PDB file of N, CA and C in Angstrom:
ATOM      1  N   MET A   1     -51.730 -67.096  61.419  1.00  0.00           N
ATOM      2  CA  MET A   1     -52.621 -68.098  61.051  1.00  0.00           C
ATOM      3  C   MET A   1     -51.883 -68.974  62.027  1.00  0.00           C
ATOM      4  N   LEU A   2     -53.098 -69.909  63.060  1.00  0.00           N
ATOM      5  CA  LEU A   2     -52.595 -71.004  63.743  1.00  0.00           C
ATOM      6  C   LEU A   2     -52.706 -72.246  63.063  1.00  0.00           C
ATOM      7  N   ILE A   3     -52.402 -73.032  62.943  1.00  0.00           N
ATOM      8  CA  ILE A   3     -52.255 -74.344  61.800  1.00  0.00           C
ATOM      9  C   ILE A   3     -51.824 -75.467  62.966  1.00  0.00           C
ATOM     10  N   GLU A   4     -52.435 -76.396  62.315  1.00  0.00           N
ATOM     11  CA  GLU A   4     -52.726 -77.728  63.199  1.00  0.00           C
ATOM     12  C   GLU A   4     -51.018 -78.225  63.087  1.00  0.00           C
ATOM     13  N   THR A   5     -50.328 -78.734  64.095  1.00  0.00           N
ATOM     14  CA  THR A   5     -49.039 -79.036  63.818  1.00  0.00           C
ATOM     15  C   THR A   5     -48.489 -80.623  64.539  1.00  0.00           C
ATOM     16  N   LEU A   6     -48.225 -81.553  63.407  1.00  0.00           N
ATOM     17  CA  LEU A   6     -48.126 -82.683  63.597  1.00  0.00           C
ATOM     18  C   LEU A   6     -46.926 -83.147  63.589  1.00  0.00           C
ATOM     19  N   SER A   7     -46.631 -84.476  65.053  1.00  0.00           N
ATOM     20  CA  SER A   7     -45.451 -84.777  65.265  1.00  0.00           C
ATOM     21  C   SER A   7     -44.502 -85.717  64.008  1.00  0.00           C
ATOM     22  N   VAL A   8     -43.235 -85.599  63.598  1.00  0.00           N
ATOM     23  CA  VAL A   8     -42.834 -86.692  62.508  1.00  0.00           C
ATOM     24  C   VAL A   8     -43.815 -87.606  62.493  1.00  0.00           C
ATOM     25  N   ARG A   9     -43.991 -88.320  64.037  1.00  0.00           N
ATOM     26  CA  ARG A   9     -44.720 -89.920  63.436  1.00  0.00           C
ATOM     27  C   ARG A   9     -45.810 -89.853  63.298  1.00  0.00           C
ATOM     28  N   GLU A  10     -46.737 -88.836  63.476  1.00  0.00           N
ATOM     29  CA  GLU A  10     -48.004 -88.808  63.267  1.00  0.00           C
ATOM     30  C   GLU A  10     -48.230 -88.141  61.937  1.00  0.00           C
ATOM     31  N   ALA A  11     -47.321 -87.166  61.181  1.00  0.00           N
ATOM     32  CA  ALA A  11     -47.231 -86.772  59.503  1.00  0.00           C
ATOM     33  C   ALA A  11     -47.135 -88.212  58.997  1.00  0.00           C
ATOM     34  N   ARG A  12     -45.977 -88.650  59.500  1.00  0.00           N
ATOM     35  CA  ARG A  12     -45.637 -90.121  58.805  1.00  0.00           C
ATOM     36  C   ARG A  12     -46.865 -91.099  58.901  1.00  0.00           C
ATOM     37  N   GLU A  13     -47.587 -91.051  59.960  1.00  0.00           N
ATOM     38  CA  GLU A  13     -49.075 -91.892  59.884  1.00  0.00           C
ATOM     39  C   GLU A  13     -49.816 -91.248  59.275  1.00  0.00           C
ATOM     40  N   GLN A  14     -50.371 -90.113  59.349  1.00  0.00           N
ATOM     41  CA  GLN A  14     -51.508 -89.128  58.530  1.00  0.00           C
ATOM     42  C   GLN A  14     -51.084 -88.664  57.394  1.00  0.00           C
ATOM     43  N   LEU A  15     -50.285 -88.932  57.085  1.00  0.00           N
ATOM     44  CA  LEU A  15     -50.194 -88.582  55.469  1.00  0.00           C
ATOM     45  C   LEU A  15     -50.748 -88.907  54.282  1.00  0.00           C
ATOM     46  N   PRO A  16     -51.425 -90.308  54.275  1.00  0.00           N
ATOM     47  CA  PRO A  16     -52.355 -90.134  53.282  1.00  0.00           C
ATOM     48  C   PRO A  16     -53.812 -89.534  53.757  1.00  0.00           C
ATOM     49  N   THR A  17     -53.788 -89.639  54.774  1.00  0.00           N
ATOM     50  CA  THR A  17     -55.408 -88.760  55.210  1.00  0.00           C
ATOM     51  C   THR A  17     -55.001 -87.164  54.528  1.00  0.00           C
ATOM     52  N   VAL A  18     -53.578 -86.576  54.910  1.00  0.00           N
ATOM     53  CA  VAL A  18     -53.700 -85.180  54.776  1.00  0.00           C
ATOM     54  C   VAL A  18     -53.662 -84.881  52.959  1.00  0.00           C
ATOM     55  N   LEU A  19     -53.500 -85.940  52.276  1.00  0.00           N
ATOM     56  CA  LEU A  19     -53.117 -85.857  51.069  1.00  0.00           C
ATOM     57  C   LEU A  19     -54.471 -86.224  50.541  1.00  0.00           C
ATOM     58  N   GLU A  20     -55.590 -86.801  51.177  1.00  0.00           N
ATOM     59  CA  GLU A  20     -56.886 -87.145  50.588  1.00  0.00           C
ATOM     60  C   GLU A  20     -57.447 -86.090  50.829  1.00  0.00           C
ATOM     61  N   ARG A  21     -57.569 -85.071  51.905  1.00  0.00           N
ATOM     62  CA  ARG A  21     -58.077 -83.996  52.212  1.00  0.00           C
ATOM     63  C   ARG A  21     -57.674 -83.091  50.955  1.00  0.00           C
ATOM     64  N   PHE A  22     -56.418 -82.924  50.558  1.00  0.00           N
ATOM     65  CA  PHE A  22     -55.851 -81.755  49.652  1.00  0.00           C
ATOM     66  C   PHE A  22     -56.743 -82.206  48.262  1.00  0.00           C
ATOM     67  N   ARG A  23     -56.719 -83.267  48.223  1.00  0.00           N
ATOM     68  CA  ARG A  23     -57.253 -83.799  46.821  1.00  0.00           C
ATOM     69  C   ARG A  23     -58.750 -83.771  46.690  1.00  0.00           C
ATOM     70  N   ASN A  24     -59.490 -83.684  48.063  1.00  0.00           N
ATOM     71  CA  ASN A  24     -60.836 -82.874  47.996  1.00  0.00           C
ATOM     72  C   ASN A  24     -61.125 -81.503  48.335  1.00  0.00           C
ATOM     73  N   GLY A  25     -60.119 -80.730  48.399  1.00  0.00           N
ATOM     74  CA  GLY A  25     -60.060 -79.666  48.117  1.00  0.00           C
ATOM     75  C   GLY A  25     -59.862 -78.303  49.585  1.00  0.00           C
ATOM     76  N   ASP A  26     -59.830 -79.405  50.674  1.00  0.00           N
ATOM     77  CA  ASP A  26     -59.296 -78.601  51.976  1.00  0.00           C
ATOM     78  C   ASP A  26     -58.124 -77.975  51.646  1.00  0.00           C
ATOM     79  N   ARG A  27     -57.804 -76.471  51.456  1.00  0.00           N
ATOM     80  CA  ARG A  27     -56.546 -75.947  51.470  1.00  0.00           C
ATOM     81  C   ARG A  27     -56.089 -75.587  52.741  1.00  0.00           C
ATOM     82  N   THR A  28     -56.006 -75.992  53.641  1.00  0.00           N
ATOM     83  CA  THR A  28     -55.605 -75.926  55.263  1.00  0.00           C
ATOM     84  C   THR A  28     -54.383 -76.464  55.166  1.00  0.00           C
ATOM     85  N   PRO A  29     -53.497 -75.564  55.580  1.00  0.00           N
ATOM     86  CA  PRO A  29     -51.888 -75.957  55.902  1.00  0.00           C
ATOM     87  C   PRO A  29     -51.961 -77.014  56.918  1.00  0.00           C
ATOM     88  N   VAL A  30     -51.046 -78.131  56.708  1.00  0.00           N
ATOM     89  CA  VAL A  30     -50.675 -78.773  57.689  1.00  0.00           C
ATOM     90  C   VAL A  30     -49.180 -78.568  58.125  1.00  0.00           C
ATOM     91  N   GLY A  31     -48.780 -78.222  59.617  1.00  0.00           N
ATOM     92  CA  GLY A  31     -47.393 -78.447  60.005  1.00  0.00           C
ATOM     93  C   GLY A  31     -46.911 -79.880  60.288  1.00  0.00           C
ATOM     94  N   VAL A  32     -45.441 -79.747  60.246  1.00  0.00           N
ATOM     95  CA  VAL A  32     -44.830 -80.613  61.047  1.00  0.00           C
ATOM     96  C   VAL A  32     -43.666 -80.525  61.763  1.00  0.00           C
ATOM     97  N   GLY A  33     -43.499 -81.022  62.643  1.00  0.00           N
ATOM     98  CA  GLY A  33     -42.261 -80.649  63.573  1.00  0.00           C
ATOM     99  C   GLY A  33     -42.024 -81.406  64.739  1.00  0.00           C
ATOM    100  N   SER A  34     -41.002 -81.504  65.457  1.00  0.00           N
ATOM    101  CA  SER A  34     -40.435 -81.951  66.620  1.00  0.00           C
ATOM    102  C   SER A  34     -41.292 -81.162  67.824  1.00  0.00           C
ATOM    103  N   HIS A  35     -41.696 -81.596  68.913  1.00  0.00           N
ATOM    104  CA  HIS A  35     -42.378 -80.992  69.898  1.00  0.00           C
ATOM    105  C   HIS A  35     -43.103 -80.120  69.734  1.00  0.00           C
ATOM    106  N   ARG A  36     -44.322 -80.618  68.712  1.00  0.00           N
ATOM    107  CA  ARG A  36     -44.908 -79.534  68.450  1.00  0.00           C
ATOM    108  C   ARG A  36     -44.632 -78.368  67.710  1.00  0.00           C
ATOM    109  N   LYS A  37     -43.608 -77.840  67.665  1.00  0.00           N
ATOM    110  CA  LYS A  37     -43.073 -76.650  66.725  1.00  0.00           C
ATOM    111  C   LYS A  37     -42.892 -76.716  65.863  1.00  0.00           C
ATOM    112  N   THR A  38     -43.786 -76.226  64.711  1.00  0.00           N
ATOM    113  CA  THR A  38     -43.821 -76.052  63.350  1.00  0.00           C
ATOM    114  C   THR A  38     -42.262 -75.686  62.844  1.00  0.00           C
ATOM    115  N   GLU A  39     -41.881 -76.850  61.822  1.00  0.00           N
ATOM    116  CA  GLU A  39     -40.741 -76.755  61.240  1.00  0.00           C
ATOM    117  C   GLU A  39     -40.792 -76.751  59.776  1.00  0.00           C
ATOM    118  N   ALA A  40     -42.306 -77.266  59.396  1.00  0.00           N
ATOM    119  CA  ALA A  40     -41.960 -77.345  57.910  1.00  0.00           C
ATOM    120  C   ALA A  40     -44.050 -77.325  57.911  1.00  0.00           C
ATOM    121  N   VAL A  41     -44.290 -76.785  56.252  1.00  0.00           N
ATOM    122  CA  VAL A  41     -45.628 -76.958  55.989  1.00  0.00           C
ATOM    123  C   VAL A  41     -46.201 -77.661  55.132  1.00  0.00           C
ATOM    124  N   MET A  42     -46.986 -78.290  55.018  1.00  0.00           N
ATOM    125  CA  MET A  42     -47.273 -79.203  53.897  1.00  0.00           C
ATOM    126  C   MET A  42     -48.706 -78.488  53.591  1.00  0.00           C
ATOM    127  N   VAL A  43     -48.827 -78.038  52.459  1.00  0.00           N
ATOM    128  CA  VAL A  43     -49.781 -77.396  51.416  1.00  0.00           C
ATOM    129  C   VAL A  43     -50.361 -78.265  50.212  1.00  0.00           C
ATOM    130  N   PRO A  44     -51.379 -77.727  49.917  1.00  0.00           N
ATOM    131  CA  PRO A  44     -51.767 -78.519  48.297  1.00  0.00           C
ATOM    132  C   PRO A  44     -51.050 -77.722  47.451  1.00  0.00           C
ATOM    133  N   VAL A  45     -50.725 -77.913  46.254  1.00  0.00           N
ATOM    134  CA  VAL A  45     -49.504 -77.547  45.507  1.00  0.00           C
ATOM    135  C   VAL A  45     -50.166 -77.012  44.881  1.00  0.00           C
ATOM    136  N   GLU A  46     -51.532 -76.548  44.364  1.00  0.00           N
ATOM    137  CA  GLU A  46     -52.334 -75.133  43.814  1.00  0.00           C
ATOM    138  C   GLU A  46     -51.943 -74.131  44.927  1.00  0.00           C
ATOM    139  N   VAL A  47     -51.977 -74.180  46.355  1.00  0.00           N
ATOM    140  CA  VAL A  47     -52.047 -72.811  47.174  1.00  0.00           C
ATOM    141  C   VAL A  47     -50.420 -72.730  46.918  1.00  0.00           C
ATOM    142  N   PHE A  48     -49.160 -73.742  46.989  1.00  0.00           N
ATOM    143  CA  PHE A  48     -47.605 -73.634  46.655  1.00  0.00           C
ATOM    144  C   PHE A  48     -47.658 -72.807  45.345  1.00  0.00           C
ATOM    145  N   ASP A  49     -48.588 -73.152  44.508  1.00  0.00           N
ATOM    146  CA  ASP A  49     -48.259 -72.563  42.642  1.00  0.00           C
ATOM    147  C   ASP A  49     -48.352 -70.928  42.823  1.00  0.00           C
ATOM    148  N   GLU A  50     -50.023 -71.002  43.722  1.00  0.00           N
ATOM    149  CA  GLU A  50     -50.423 -69.535  44.079  1.00  0.00           C
ATOM    150  C   GLU A  50     -49.525 -68.303  44.479  1.00  0.00           C
ATOM    151  N   LEU A  51     -48.903 -68.998  45.812  1.00  0.00           N
ATOM    152  CA  LEU A  51     -47.725 -68.273  46.482  1.00  0.00           C
ATOM    153  C   LEU A  51     -46.571 -67.616  45.705  1.00  0.00           C
ATOM    154  N   ILE A  52     -45.884 -68.880  44.836  1.00  0.00           N
ATOM    155  CA  ILE A  52     -45.177 -68.462  44.114  1.00  0.00           C
ATOM    156  C   ILE A  52     -45.183 -67.375  42.609  1.00  0.00           C
ATOM    157  N   ALA A  53     -46.621 -67.698  42.107  1.00  0.00           N
ATOM    158  CA  ALA A  53     -46.976 -66.675  41.485  1.00  0.00           C
ATOM    159  C   ALA A  53     -47.561 -65.613  41.945  1.00  0.00           C
ATOM    160  N   GLU A  54     -47.526 -65.266  42.850  1.00  0.00           N
ATOM    161  CA  GLU A  54     -47.728 -64.178  43.860  1.00  0.00           C
ATOM    162  C   GLU A  54     -46.287 -63.453  43.954  1.00  0.00           C
ATOM    163  N   ARG A  55     -45.382 -63.908  44.378  1.00  0.00           N
ATOM    164  CA  ARG A  55     -43.765 -63.767  44.339  1.00  0.00           C
ATOM    165  C   ARG A  55     -43.350 -63.078  43.062  1.00  0.00           C
ATOM    166  N   ALA A  56     -43.786 -63.929  42.104  1.00  0.00           N
ATOM    167  CA  ALA A  56     -43.218 -63.433  40.621  1.00  0.00           C
ATOM    168  C   ALA A  56     -43.859 -62.138  40.260  1.00  0.00           C
ATOM    169  N   ARG A  57     -45.214 -61.929  40.916  1.00  0.00           N
ATOM    170  CA  ARG A  57     -46.131 -60.698  40.200  1.00  0.00           C
ATOM    171  C   ARG A  57     -45.522 -59.659  40.927  1.00  0.00           C
ATOM    172  N   SER A  58     -45.026 -59.888  42.509  1.00  0.00           N
ATOM    173  CA  SER A  58     -44.527 -58.806  43.091  1.00  0.00           C
ATOM    174  C   SER A  58     -43.132 -58.524  42.441  1.00  0.00           C
ATOM    175  N   ILE A  59     -42.322 -58.882  41.904  1.00  0.00           N
ATOM    176  CA  ILE A  59     -41.315 -58.875  41.247  1.00  0.00           C
ATOM    177  C   ILE A  59     -41.557 -58.165  40.077  1.00  0.00           C
ATOM    178  N   THR A  60     -42.585 -58.369  39.544  1.00  0.00           N
ATOM    179  CA  THR A  60     -42.991 -57.634  37.952  1.00  0.00           C
ATOM    180  C   THR A  60     -43.318 -55.910  38.342  1.00  0.00           C
ATOM    181  N   GLU A  61     -44.145 -56.025  39.425  1.00  0.00           N
ATOM    182  CA  GLU A  61     -44.216 -54.718  39.945  1.00  0.00           C
ATOM    183  C   GLU A  61     -43.522 -53.776  40.219  1.00  0.00           C
ATOM    184  N   ALA A  62     -42.798 -54.466  41.026  1.00  0.00           N
ATOM    185  CA  ALA A  62     -41.680 -53.526  41.348  1.00  0.00           C
ATOM    186  C   ALA A  62     -40.198 -53.245  40.378  1.00  0.00           C
ATOM    187  N   ALA A  63     -40.125 -53.979  39.587  1.00  0.00           N
ATOM    188  CA  ALA A  63     -39.504 -53.732  38.332  1.00  0.00           C
ATOM    189  C   ALA A  63     -39.980 -52.294  37.762  1.00  0.00           C
ATOM    190  N   ALA A  64     -41.292 -52.655  37.287  1.00  0.00           N
ATOM    191  CA  ALA A  64     -42.060 -51.678  36.495  1.00  0.00           C
ATOM    192  C   ALA A  64     -41.840 -50.167  37.161  1.00  0.00           C
ATOM    193  N   SER A  65     -42.209 -50.409  38.774  1.00  0.00           N
ATOM    194  CA  SER A  65     -42.171 -49.132  39.290  1.00  0.00           C
ATOM    195  C   SER A  65     -40.594 -48.560  39.539  1.00  0.00           C
ATOM    196  N   VAL A  66     -39.542 -49.406  39.373  1.00  0.00           N
ATOM    197  CA  VAL A  66     -38.116 -48.994  39.214  1.00  0.00           C
ATOM    198  C   VAL A  66     -38.019 -48.423  37.942  1.00  0.00           C
ATOM    199  N   ARG A  67     -38.804 -48.713  36.971  1.00  0.00           N
ATOM    200  CA  ARG A  67     -38.500 -48.050  35.307  1.00  0.00           C
ATOM    201  C   ARG A  67     -39.513 -46.980  35.501  1.00  0.00           C
ATOM    202  N   ALA A  68     -40.442 -46.608  36.239  1.00  0.00           N
ATOM    203  CA  ALA A  68     -41.366 -45.853  36.092  1.00  0.00           C
ATOM    204  C   ALA A  68     -40.390 -44.541  36.554  1.00  0.00           C
ATOM    205  N   GLU A  69     -39.721 -44.738  37.451  1.00  0.00           N
ATOM    206  CA  GLU A  69     -38.830 -44.111  37.917  1.00  0.00           C
ATOM    207  C   GLU A  69     -37.458 -43.575  37.223  1.00  0.00           C
ATOM    208  N   GLY A  70     -37.541 -44.060  36.212  1.00  0.00           N
ATOM    209  CA  GLY A  70     -36.260 -43.987  35.149  1.00  0.00           C
ATOM    210  C   GLY A  70     -34.690 -44.451  35.393  1.00  0.00           C
ATOM    211  N   LEU A  71     -35.403 -45.888  35.865  1.00  0.00           N
ATOM    212  CA  LEU A  71     -33.791 -46.318  36.582  1.00  0.00           C
ATOM    213  C   LEU A  71     -33.903 -47.874  36.166  1.00  0.00           C
ATOM    214  N   VAL A  72     -32.828 -48.657  36.402  1.00  0.00           N
ATOM    215  CA  VAL A  72     -32.874 -49.729  35.698  1.00  0.00           C
ATOM    216  C   VAL A  72     -32.847 -51.383  36.613  1.00  0.00           C
ATOM    217  N   VAL A  73     -33.113 -52.255  36.846  1.00  0.00           N
ATOM    218  CA  VAL A  73     -32.893 -53.131  37.801  1.00  0.00           C
ATOM    219  C   VAL A  73     -31.604 -54.106  37.359  1.00  0.00           C
ATOM    220  N   ASP A  74     -30.545 -54.293  37.612  1.00  0.00           N
ATOM    221  CA  ASP A  74     -29.466 -54.520  37.172  1.00  0.00           C
ATOM    222  C   ASP A  74     -29.469 -56.474  37.107  1.00  0.00           C
ATOM    223  N   SER A  75     -28.904 -57.247  36.689  1.00  0.00           N
ATOM    224  CA  SER A  75     -29.154 -58.624  36.119  1.00  0.00           C
ATOM    225  C   SER A  75     -28.774 -59.414  37.649  1.00  0.00           C
ATOM    226  N   ASP A  76     -27.821 -58.792  38.384  1.00  0.00           N
ATOM    227  CA  ASP A  76     -27.339 -59.638  39.789  1.00  0.00           C
ATOM    228  C   ASP A  76     -28.563 -59.173  40.402  1.00  0.00           C
ATOM    229  N   THR A  77     -29.177 -58.259  40.588  1.00  0.00           N
ATOM    230  CA  THR A  77     -30.404 -58.122  41.641  1.00  0.00           C
ATOM    231  C   THR A  77     -31.588 -58.892  40.744  1.00  0.00           C
ATOM    232  N   GLU A  78     -32.063 -58.914  39.414  1.00  0.00           N
ATOM    233  CA  GLU A  78     -32.863 -59.511  39.207  1.00  0.00           C
ATOM    234  C   GLU A  78     -32.900 -61.152  39.322  1.00  0.00           C
ATOM    235  N   ALA A  79     -31.334 -61.626  39.273  1.00  0.00           N
ATOM    236  CA  ALA A  79     -31.270 -63.074  39.533  1.00  0.00           C
ATOM    237  C   ALA A  79     -31.431 -63.874  41.143  1.00  0.00           C
ATOM    238  N   ILE A  80     -31.314 -62.825  41.782  1.00  0.00           N
ATOM    239  CA  ILE A  80     -31.505 -62.744  43.313  1.00  0.00           C
ATOM    240  C   ILE A  80     -32.788 -62.767  43.505  1.00  0.00           C
ATOM    241  N   THR A  81     -33.624 -61.515  43.031  1.00  0.00           N
ATOM    242  CA  THR A  81     -34.848 -61.907  43.012  1.00  0.00           C
ATOM    243  C   THR A  81     -35.702 -62.868  42.658  1.00  0.00           C
ATOM    244  N   GLU A  82     -35.288 -63.382  41.424  1.00  0.00           N
ATOM    245  CA  GLU A  82     -35.899 -64.627  41.243  1.00  0.00           C
ATOM    246  C   GLU A  82     -35.625 -65.451  42.002  1.00  0.00           C
ATOM    247  N   GLN A  83     -34.424 -65.801  42.121  1.00  0.00           N
ATOM    248  CA  GLN A  83     -34.578 -67.095  43.319  1.00  0.00           C
ATOM    249  C   GLN A  83     -35.391 -67.039  44.509  1.00  0.00           C
ATOM    250  N   TRP A  84     -35.674 -65.770  45.062  1.00  0.00           N
ATOM    251  CA  TRP A  84     -36.524 -65.328  46.026  1.00  0.00           C
ATOM    252  C   TRP A  84     -37.977 -65.486  45.666  1.00  0.00           C
ATOM    253  N   ALA A  85     -38.728 -65.736  43.982  1.00  0.00           N
ATOM    254  CA  ALA A  85     -39.596 -65.785  43.990  1.00  0.00           C
ATOM    255  C   ALA A  85     -39.849 -66.929  43.791  1.00  0.00           C
ATOM    256  N   ARG A  86     -39.084 -68.339  43.283  1.00  0.00           N
ATOM    257  CA  ARG A  86     -39.026 -69.610  43.267  1.00  0.00           C
ATOM    258  C   ARG A  86     -38.823 -70.274  44.131  1.00  0.00           C
ATOM    259  N   GLY A  87     -38.804 -69.459  45.930  1.00  0.00           N
ATOM    260  CA  GLY A  87     -39.112 -69.752  46.916  1.00  0.00           C
ATOM    261  C   GLY A  87     -37.548 -70.767  47.439  1.00  0.00           C
ATOM    262  N   GLU A  88     -36.744 -70.594  46.674  1.00  0.00           N
ATOM    263  CA  GLU A  88     -35.458 -71.129  47.076  1.00  0.00           C
ATOM    264  C   GLU A  88     -34.550 -69.965  48.178  1.00  0.00           C
ATOM    265  N   ILE A  89     -34.830 -68.897  48.272  1.00  0.00           N
ATOM    266  CA  ILE A  89     -34.098 -68.156  49.394  1.00  0.00           C
ATOM    267  C   ILE A  89     -34.829 -67.398  50.489  1.00  0.00           C
ATOM    268  N   SER A  90     -35.221 -67.043  51.539  1.00  0.00           N
ATOM    269  CA  SER A  90     -36.083 -66.036  52.330  1.00  0.00           C
ATOM    270  C   SER A  90     -35.818 -64.702  51.711  1.00  0.00           C
ATOM    271  N   THR A  91     -36.536 -64.276  52.338  1.00  0.00           N
ATOM    272  CA  THR A  91     -36.944 -62.620  52.290  1.00  0.00           C
ATOM    273  C   THR A  91     -35.730 -62.104  52.806  1.00  0.00           C
ATOM    274  N   ALA A  92     -35.232 -62.454  53.742  1.00  0.00           N
ATOM    275  CA  ALA A  92     -34.551 -61.801  54.572  1.00  0.00           C
ATOM    276  C   ALA A  92     -32.844 -62.387  53.963  1.00  0.00           C
ATOM    277  N   GLN A  93     -33.209 -63.502  53.261  1.00  0.00           N
ATOM    278  CA  GLN A  93     -31.533 -63.461  52.440  1.00  0.00           C
ATOM    279  C   GLN A  93     -31.659 -62.968  51.204  1.00  0.00           C
ATOM    280  N   MET A  94     -32.787 -62.458  50.682  1.00  0.00           N
ATOM    281  CA  MET A  94     -32.742 -61.956  49.650  1.00  0.00           C
ATOM    282  C   MET A  94     -32.288 -60.243  49.960  1.00  0.00           C
ATOM    283  N   ARG A  95     -33.271 -60.130  50.868  1.00  0.00           N
ATOM    284  CA  ARG A  95     -32.430 -58.391  51.315  1.00  0.00           C
ATOM    285  C   ARG A  95     -31.204 -58.309  51.743  1.00  0.00           C
ATOM    286  N   GLU A  96     -30.705 -59.233  52.272  1.00  0.00           N
ATOM    287  CA  GLU A  96     -29.168 -59.341  52.801  1.00  0.00           C
ATOM    288  C   GLU A  96     -28.311 -59.251  51.681  1.00  0.00           C
ATOM    289  N   MET A  97     -28.716 -60.029  50.429  1.00  0.00           N
ATOM    290  CA  MET A  97     -27.420 -60.324  49.333  1.00  0.00           C
ATOM    291  C   MET A  97     -27.707 -59.104  48.666  1.00  0.00           C
ATOM    292  N   VAL A  98     -28.924 -58.444  48.373  1.00  0.00           N
ATOM    293  CA  VAL A  98     -29.232 -57.340  47.713  1.00  0.00           C
ATOM    294  C   VAL A  98     -28.397 -56.417  47.972  1.00  0.00           C
ATOM    295  N   ARG A  99     -28.692 -56.161  49.579  1.00  0.00           N
ATOM    296  CA  ARG A  99     -27.553 -54.817  50.080  1.00  0.00           C
ATOM    297  C   ARG A  99     -26.239 -55.544  50.276  1.00  0.00           C
ATOM    298  N   ARG A 100     -25.799 -56.521  50.106  1.00  0.00           N
ATOM    299  CA  ARG A 100     -24.212 -56.611  50.304  1.00  0.00           C
ATOM    300  C   ARG A 100     -24.016 -56.421  48.607  1.00  0.00           C
ATOM    301  N   LEU A 101     -24.341 -56.943  47.755  1.00  0.00           N
ATOM    302  CA  LEU A 101     -24.492 -56.313  46.479  1.00  0.00           C
ATOM    303  C   LEU A 101     -24.466 -54.841  46.235  1.00  0.00           C
ATOM    304  N   TYR A 102     -24.777 -54.327  46.828  1.00  0.00           N
ATOM    305  CA  TYR A 102     -24.517 -53.069  46.761  1.00  0.00           C
ATOM    306  C   TYR A 102     -23.766 -52.094  47.760  1.00  0.00           C
ATOM    307  N   GLY A 103     -23.584 -52.394  48.806  1.00  0.00           N
ATOM    308  CA  GLY A 103     -22.461 -52.575  49.945  1.00  0.00           C
ATOM    309  C   GLY A 103     -23.322 -51.347  50.868  1.00  0.00           C
ATOM    310  N   ALA A 104     -24.761 -51.825  51.084  1.00  0.00           N
ATOM    311  CA  ALA A 104     -25.467 -51.146  51.982  1.00  0.00           C
ATOM    312  C   ALA A 104     -25.626 -51.661  53.455  1.00  0.00           C
ATOM    313  N   PRO A 105     -25.618 -51.162  54.070  1.00  0.00           N
ATOM    314  CA  PRO A 105     -25.279 -51.626  55.715  1.00  0.00           C
ATOM    315  C   PRO A 105     -26.924 -52.666  55.741  1.00  0.00           C
TER     316      PRO A 105
END
């Protein structure tokens, strides 16, 4: 997805306008970064909430699949995946933490 990226100065100046767009139902993400390189993304809170909910659904479905195989997800893995679901760690970080937990390469 190609998104508009504002410089930090532009984002500061245009923040009221961006917020008004969000209030009016525009769900288009707006990037912020130095030298037009996106480093952060602003989205309406509803979009953020949907993303977090989708991650939580993914974990629930994965846990159900594990249980269907007759296995159990341990509490350490659950804690790591919950951090991921809340957006506190990246997908790559989650994978690395779970691999380390089980001694996998």
